[in-house]
């Protein structure tokens, strides 16, 4: 395996899982949302509020297209899946893993998600976002790891590693 790219909805645990997975496999770790925040010297919500959603999505796509690495766990932003160019590039870099978490669990994890820097249009709901993105997550991922209620972080990482080893 060269790189492992984690995709999924905001709140699916990509960053948290990515850190543990990287440590377990001896890989580096890159969180594209954190990278964008550092590059722009602003929070994701700040970027969306001041420069607009289109600017944010364009920046996210550019970041996704520019990544060059080996043996790195890449936790993408939830909207990276919407960028055809970025996903084509990321799929060339490694194995794409979809972290599939049901809507109810996402709602619980995110709480008031309106200020979390989620790339969504005014008035959109989390349900609408999931409906738009779910087909892309499924189509563009090499493997899917489904959320299991009661699983620990370590058990979920075990599930990811087991699925990666089976392909």
C-alpha atoms as a PDB file:
ATOM      1  CA  UNK A   1       0.000   0.000   0.000  1.00  0.00           C
ATOM      2  CA  UNK A   2       1.307   3.420  -0.856  1.00  0.00           C
ATOM      3  CA  UNK A   3      -1.214   5.857   0.662  1.00  0.00           C
ATOM      4  CA  UNK A   4      -4.604   5.458   2.269  1.00  0.00           C
ATOM      5  CA  UNK A   5      -7.209   8.130   1.603  1.00  0.00           C
ATOM      6  CA  UNK A   6     -10.093   8.414   4.073  1.00  0.00           C
ATOM      7  CA  UNK A   7     -13.314   9.908   2.744  1.00  0.00           C
ATOM      8  CA  UNK A   8     -16.688  10.396   4.378  1.00  0.00           C
ATOM      9  CA  UNK A   9     -19.157  12.919   5.671  1.00  0.00           C
ATOM     10  CA  UNK A  10     -18.185  15.615   8.155  1.00  0.00           C
ATOM     11  CA  UNK A  11     -18.257  14.008  11.585  1.00  0.00           C
ATOM     12  CA  UNK A  12     -17.521  10.504  10.290  1.00  0.00           C
ATOM     13  CA  UNK A  13     -14.226  10.407  12.198  1.00  0.00           C
ATOM     14  CA  UNK A  14     -11.761  10.540   9.290  1.00  0.00           C
ATOM     15  CA  UNK A  15      -9.210  12.664  11.144  1.00  0.00           C
ATOM     16  CA  UNK A  16      -9.438  10.792  14.432  1.00  0.00           C
ATOM     17  CA  UNK A  17      -9.270   7.395  12.723  1.00  0.00           C
ATOM     18  CA  UNK A  18      -6.509   8.640  10.435  1.00  0.00           C
ATOM     19  CA  UNK A  19      -4.200   9.589  13.301  1.00  0.00           C
ATOM     20  CA  UNK A  20      -4.596   6.173  14.969  1.00  0.00           C
ATOM     21  CA  UNK A  21      -4.318   4.302  11.653  1.00  0.00           C
ATOM     22  CA  UNK A  22      -1.134   6.215  10.761  1.00  0.00           C
ATOM     23  CA  UNK A  23       0.412   5.392  14.127  1.00  0.00           C
ATOM     24  CA  UNK A  24      -0.506   1.705  13.819  1.00  0.00           C
ATOM     25  CA  UNK A  25       0.886   1.386  10.283  1.00  0.00           C
ATOM     26  CA  UNK A  26       3.901   3.653  10.756  1.00  0.00           C
ATOM     27  CA  UNK A  27       2.592   6.083   8.118  1.00  0.00           C
ATOM     28  CA  UNK A  28       2.537   9.865   8.054  1.00  0.00           C
ATOM     29  CA  UNK A  29      -0.739  11.720   8.474  1.00  0.00           C
ATOM     30  CA  UNK A  30      -2.242  14.606   6.488  1.00  0.00           C
ATOM     31  CA  UNK A  31      -5.566  16.268   7.253  1.00  0.00           C
ATOM     32  CA  UNK A  32      -6.566  18.337   4.214  1.00  0.00           C
ATOM     33  CA  UNK A  33      -8.925  20.556   6.256  1.00  0.00           C
ATOM     34  CA  UNK A  34      -6.109  21.452   8.670  1.00  0.00           C
ATOM     35  CA  UNK A  35      -3.780  22.072   5.739  1.00  0.00           C
ATOM     36  CA  UNK A  36      -6.317  24.447   4.134  1.00  0.00           C
ATOM     37  CA  UNK A  37      -6.826  26.279   7.458  1.00  0.00           C
ATOM     38  CA  UNK A  38      -3.071  26.759   7.864  1.00  0.00           C
ATOM     39  CA  UNK A  39      -2.607  27.820   4.245  1.00  0.00           C
ATOM     40  CA  UNK A  40      -5.446  30.361   4.436  1.00  0.00           C
ATOM     41  CA  UNK A  41      -4.674  31.397   8.048  1.00  0.00           C
ATOM     42  CA  UNK A  42      -8.354  30.991   8.900  1.00  0.00           C
ATOM     43  CA  UNK A  43     -10.854  28.433  10.088  1.00  0.00           C
ATOM     44  CA  UNK A  44     -12.832  26.619   7.414  1.00  0.00           C
ATOM     45  CA  UNK A  45     -15.959  28.498   8.472  1.00  0.00           C
ATOM     46  CA  UNK A  46     -14.005  31.758   8.307  1.00  0.00           C
ATOM     47  CA  UNK A  47     -12.934  30.989   4.739  1.00  0.00           C
ATOM     48  CA  UNK A  48     -16.510  30.172   3.719  1.00  0.00           C
ATOM     49  CA  UNK A  49     -17.886  33.282   5.479  1.00  0.00           C
ATOM     50  CA  UNK A  50     -15.337  35.746   4.076  1.00  0.00           C
ATOM     51  CA  UNK A  51     -14.407  34.324   0.675  1.00  0.00           C
ATOM     52  CA  UNK A  52     -17.450  32.212  -0.141  1.00  0.00           C
ATOM     53  CA  UNK A  53     -18.275  28.565  -0.668  1.00  0.00           C
ATOM     54  CA  UNK A  54     -17.033  28.518  -4.280  1.00  0.00           C
ATOM     55  CA  UNK A  55     -13.609  29.809  -3.225  1.00  0.00           C
ATOM     56  CA  UNK A  56     -13.401  27.201  -0.471  1.00  0.00           C
ATOM     57  CA  UNK A  57     -14.343  24.346  -2.825  1.00  0.00           C
ATOM     58  CA  UNK A  58     -11.844  25.558  -5.432  1.00  0.00           C
ATOM     59  CA  UNK A  59      -9.095  25.741  -2.793  1.00  0.00           C
ATOM     60  CA  UNK A  60      -9.988  22.290  -1.496  1.00  0.00           C
ATOM     61  CA  UNK A  61      -9.861  20.859  -5.016  1.00  0.00           C
ATOM     62  CA  UNK A  62      -6.466  22.481  -5.676  1.00  0.00           C
ATOM     63  CA  UNK A  63      -5.076  21.046  -2.444  1.00  0.00           C
ATOM     64  CA  UNK A  64      -6.395  17.585  -3.356  1.00  0.00           C
ATOM     65  CA  UNK A  65      -4.762  17.810  -6.791  1.00  0.00           C
ATOM     66  CA  UNK A  66      -1.380  18.953  -5.431  1.00  0.00           C
ATOM     67  CA  UNK A  67      -0.756  16.241  -2.837  1.00  0.00           C
ATOM     68  CA  UNK A  68       2.416  14.262  -3.450  1.00  0.00           C
ATOM     69  CA  UNK A  69       3.320  11.726  -0.768  1.00  0.00           C
ATOM     70  CA  UNK A  70       4.056   8.104   0.016  1.00  0.00           C
ATOM     71  CA  UNK A  71       2.975   6.010   2.998  1.00  0.00           C
ATOM     72  CA  UNK A  72       0.619   8.687   4.296  1.00  0.00           C
ATOM     73  CA  UNK A  73      -2.914   8.482   5.663  1.00  0.00           C
ATOM     74  CA  UNK A  74      -4.832  11.349   4.062  1.00  0.00           C
ATOM     75  CA  UNK A  75      -8.018  12.476   5.805  1.00  0.00           C
ATOM     76  CA  UNK A  76      -9.965  14.512   3.268  1.00  0.00           C
ATOM     77  CA  UNK A  77     -12.570  17.124   3.951  1.00  0.00           C
ATOM     78  CA  UNK A  78     -16.109  15.834   3.538  1.00  0.00           C
ATOM     79  CA  UNK A  79     -16.616  17.814   0.337  1.00  0.00           C
ATOM     80  CA  UNK A  80     -13.390  16.662  -1.383  1.00  0.00           C
ATOM     81  CA  UNK A  81     -15.466  13.863  -2.936  1.00  0.00           C
ATOM     82  CA  UNK A  82     -17.262  16.543  -5.005  1.00  0.00           C
ATOM     83  CA  UNK A  83     -14.055  17.444  -6.876  1.00  0.00           C
ATOM     84  CA  UNK A  84     -13.631  15.151  -9.866  1.00  0.00           C
ATOM     85  CA  UNK A  85     -10.024  16.271 -10.451  1.00  0.00           C
ATOM     86  CA  UNK A  86      -8.954  15.918  -6.825  1.00  0.00           C
ATOM     87  CA  UNK A  87     -10.520  12.477  -6.479  1.00  0.00           C
ATOM     88  CA  UNK A  88      -8.969  11.253  -9.716  1.00  0.00           C
ATOM     89  CA  UNK A  89      -5.564  12.337  -8.384  1.00  0.00           C
ATOM     90  CA  UNK A  90      -6.122  10.880  -4.905  1.00  0.00           C
ATOM     91  CA  UNK A  91      -7.264   7.555  -6.352  1.00  0.00           C
ATOM     92  CA  UNK A  92      -3.968   7.396  -8.255  1.00  0.00           C
ATOM     93  CA  UNK A  93      -2.084   7.981  -4.979  1.00  0.00           C
ATOM     94  CA  UNK A  94      -3.553   5.052  -3.080  1.00  0.00           C
ATOM     95  CA  UNK A  95      -6.509   3.172  -1.677  1.00  0.00           C
ATOM     96  CA  UNK A  96      -9.677   5.152  -0.961  1.00  0.00           C
ATOM     97  CA  UNK A  97     -11.564   4.102   2.187  1.00  0.00           C
ATOM     98  CA  UNK A  98     -15.115   5.343   2.768  1.00  0.00           C
ATOM     99  CA  UNK A  99     -16.015   5.721   6.442  1.00  0.00           C
ATOM    100  CA  UNK A 100     -19.780   5.143   6.284  1.00  0.00           C
ATOM    101  CA  UNK A 101     -21.619   6.603   9.273  1.00  0.00           C
ATOM    102  CA  UNK A 102     -25.431   6.802   9.333  1.00  0.00           C
ATOM    103  CA  UNK A 103     -27.202  10.166   9.378  1.00  0.00           C
ATOM    104  CA  UNK A 104     -28.451   9.854  12.961  1.00  0.00           C
ATOM    105  CA  UNK A 105     -24.952   9.252  14.285  1.00  0.00           C
ATOM    106  CA  UNK A 106     -23.563  12.130  12.203  1.00  0.00           C
ATOM    107  CA  UNK A 107     -26.215  14.471  13.630  1.00  0.00           C
ATOM    108  CA  UNK A 108     -25.335  13.407  17.155  1.00  0.00           C
ATOM    109  CA  UNK A 109     -21.583  13.880  16.592  1.00  0.00           C
ATOM    110  CA  UNK A 110     -21.892  17.235  14.848  1.00  0.00           C
ATOM    111  CA  UNK A 111     -24.487  18.875  17.098  1.00  0.00           C
ATOM    112  CA  UNK A 112     -24.992  22.416  15.796  1.00  0.00           C
ATOM    113  CA  UNK A 113     -23.065  21.986  12.575  1.00  0.00           C
ATOM    114  CA  UNK A 114     -23.818  25.443  11.128  1.00  0.00           C
ATOM    115  CA  UNK A 115     -20.468  26.860  12.335  1.00  0.00           C
ATOM    116  CA  UNK A 116     -18.287  23.831  11.655  1.00  0.00           C
ATOM    117  CA  UNK A 117     -16.966  24.849   8.264  1.00  0.00           C
ATOM    118  CA  UNK A 118     -19.055  22.324   6.379  1.00  0.00           C
ATOM    119  CA  UNK A 119     -19.188  23.076   2.668  1.00  0.00           C
ATOM    120  CA  UNK A 120     -22.903  23.469   2.129  1.00  0.00           C
ATOM    121  CA  UNK A 121     -25.250  26.044   0.674  1.00  0.00           C
ATOM    122  CA  UNK A 122     -27.390  28.219   2.913  1.00  0.00           C
ATOM    123  CA  UNK A 123     -30.535  26.308   3.821  1.00  0.00           C
ATOM    124  CA  UNK A 124     -29.116  22.872   2.962  1.00  0.00           C
ATOM    125  CA  UNK A 125     -29.545  20.099   5.495  1.00  0.00           C
ATOM    126  CA  UNK A 126     -27.150  17.370   6.538  1.00  0.00           C
ATOM    127  CA  UNK A 127     -29.600  14.879   5.016  1.00  0.00           C
ATOM    128  CA  UNK A 128     -29.455  16.659   1.623  1.00  0.00           C
ATOM    129  CA  UNK A 129     -25.666  16.693   1.777  1.00  0.00           C
ATOM    130  CA  UNK A 130     -25.566  12.966   2.533  1.00  0.00           C
ATOM    131  CA  UNK A 131     -28.013  12.243  -0.304  1.00  0.00           C
ATOM    132  CA  UNK A 132     -25.776  14.168  -2.751  1.00  0.00           C
ATOM    133  CA  UNK A 133     -22.473  12.710  -1.601  1.00  0.00           C
ATOM    134  CA  UNK A 134     -23.307   9.106  -0.722  1.00  0.00           C
ATOM    135  CA  UNK A 135     -23.373   7.860  -4.348  1.00  0.00           C
ATOM    136  CA  UNK A 136     -19.948   9.468  -4.935  1.00  0.00           C
ATOM    137  CA  UNK A 137     -18.449   8.020  -1.747  1.00  0.00           C
ATOM    138  CA  UNK A 138     -19.646   4.573  -2.806  1.00  0.00           C
ATOM    139  CA  UNK A 139     -18.555   4.902  -6.428  1.00  0.00           C
ATOM    140  CA  UNK A 140     -15.079   6.347  -5.815  1.00  0.00           C
ATOM    141  CA  UNK A 141     -14.016   4.231  -2.833  1.00  0.00           C
ATOM    142  CA  UNK A 142     -12.077   1.001  -3.016  1.00  0.00           C
ATOM    143  CA  UNK A 143     -13.442  -0.213   0.309  1.00  0.00           C
ATOM    144  CA  UNK A 144     -16.174   0.798   2.740  1.00  0.00           C
ATOM    145  CA  UNK A 145     -15.965   0.539   6.511  1.00  0.00           C
ATOM    146  CA  UNK A 146     -19.373   0.843   8.130  1.00  0.00           C
ATOM    147  CA  UNK A 147     -19.895   2.414  11.525  1.00  0.00           C
ATOM    148  CA  UNK A 148     -20.759  -0.164  14.164  1.00  0.00           C
ATOM    149  CA  UNK A 149     -22.442   1.128  17.306  1.00  0.00           C
ATOM    150  CA  UNK A 150     -20.385   0.281  20.355  1.00  0.00           C
ATOM    151  CA  UNK A 151     -17.112  -0.234  18.474  1.00  0.00           C
ATOM    152  CA  UNK A 152     -14.109   1.500  19.957  1.00  0.00           C
ATOM    153  CA  UNK A 153     -11.785   3.607  17.870  1.00  0.00           C
ATOM    154  CA  UNK A 154      -9.246   0.761  17.938  1.00  0.00           C
ATOM    155  CA  UNK A 155     -11.851  -1.758  16.743  1.00  0.00           C
ATOM    156  CA  UNK A 156     -12.770   0.497  13.822  1.00  0.00           C
ATOM    157  CA  UNK A 157      -9.081   0.864  12.923  1.00  0.00           C
ATOM    158  CA  UNK A 158      -8.802  -2.955  13.096  1.00  0.00           C
ATOM    159  CA  UNK A 159     -11.746  -3.161  10.643  1.00  0.00           C
ATOM    160  CA  UNK A 160     -10.003  -0.747   8.257  1.00  0.00           C
ATOM    161  CA  UNK A 161      -6.719  -2.677   8.393  1.00  0.00           C
ATOM    162  CA  UNK A 162      -8.517  -6.004   7.894  1.00  0.00           C
ATOM    163  CA  UNK A 163     -10.319  -4.678   4.804  1.00  0.00           C
ATOM    164  CA  UNK A 164      -7.129  -3.125   3.430  1.00  0.00           C
ATOM    165  CA  UNK A 165      -5.312  -6.443   3.825  1.00  0.00           C
ATOM    166  CA  UNK A 166      -8.074  -8.269   1.970  1.00  0.00           C
ATOM    167  CA  UNK A 167      -7.743  -6.305  -1.282  1.00  0.00           C
END
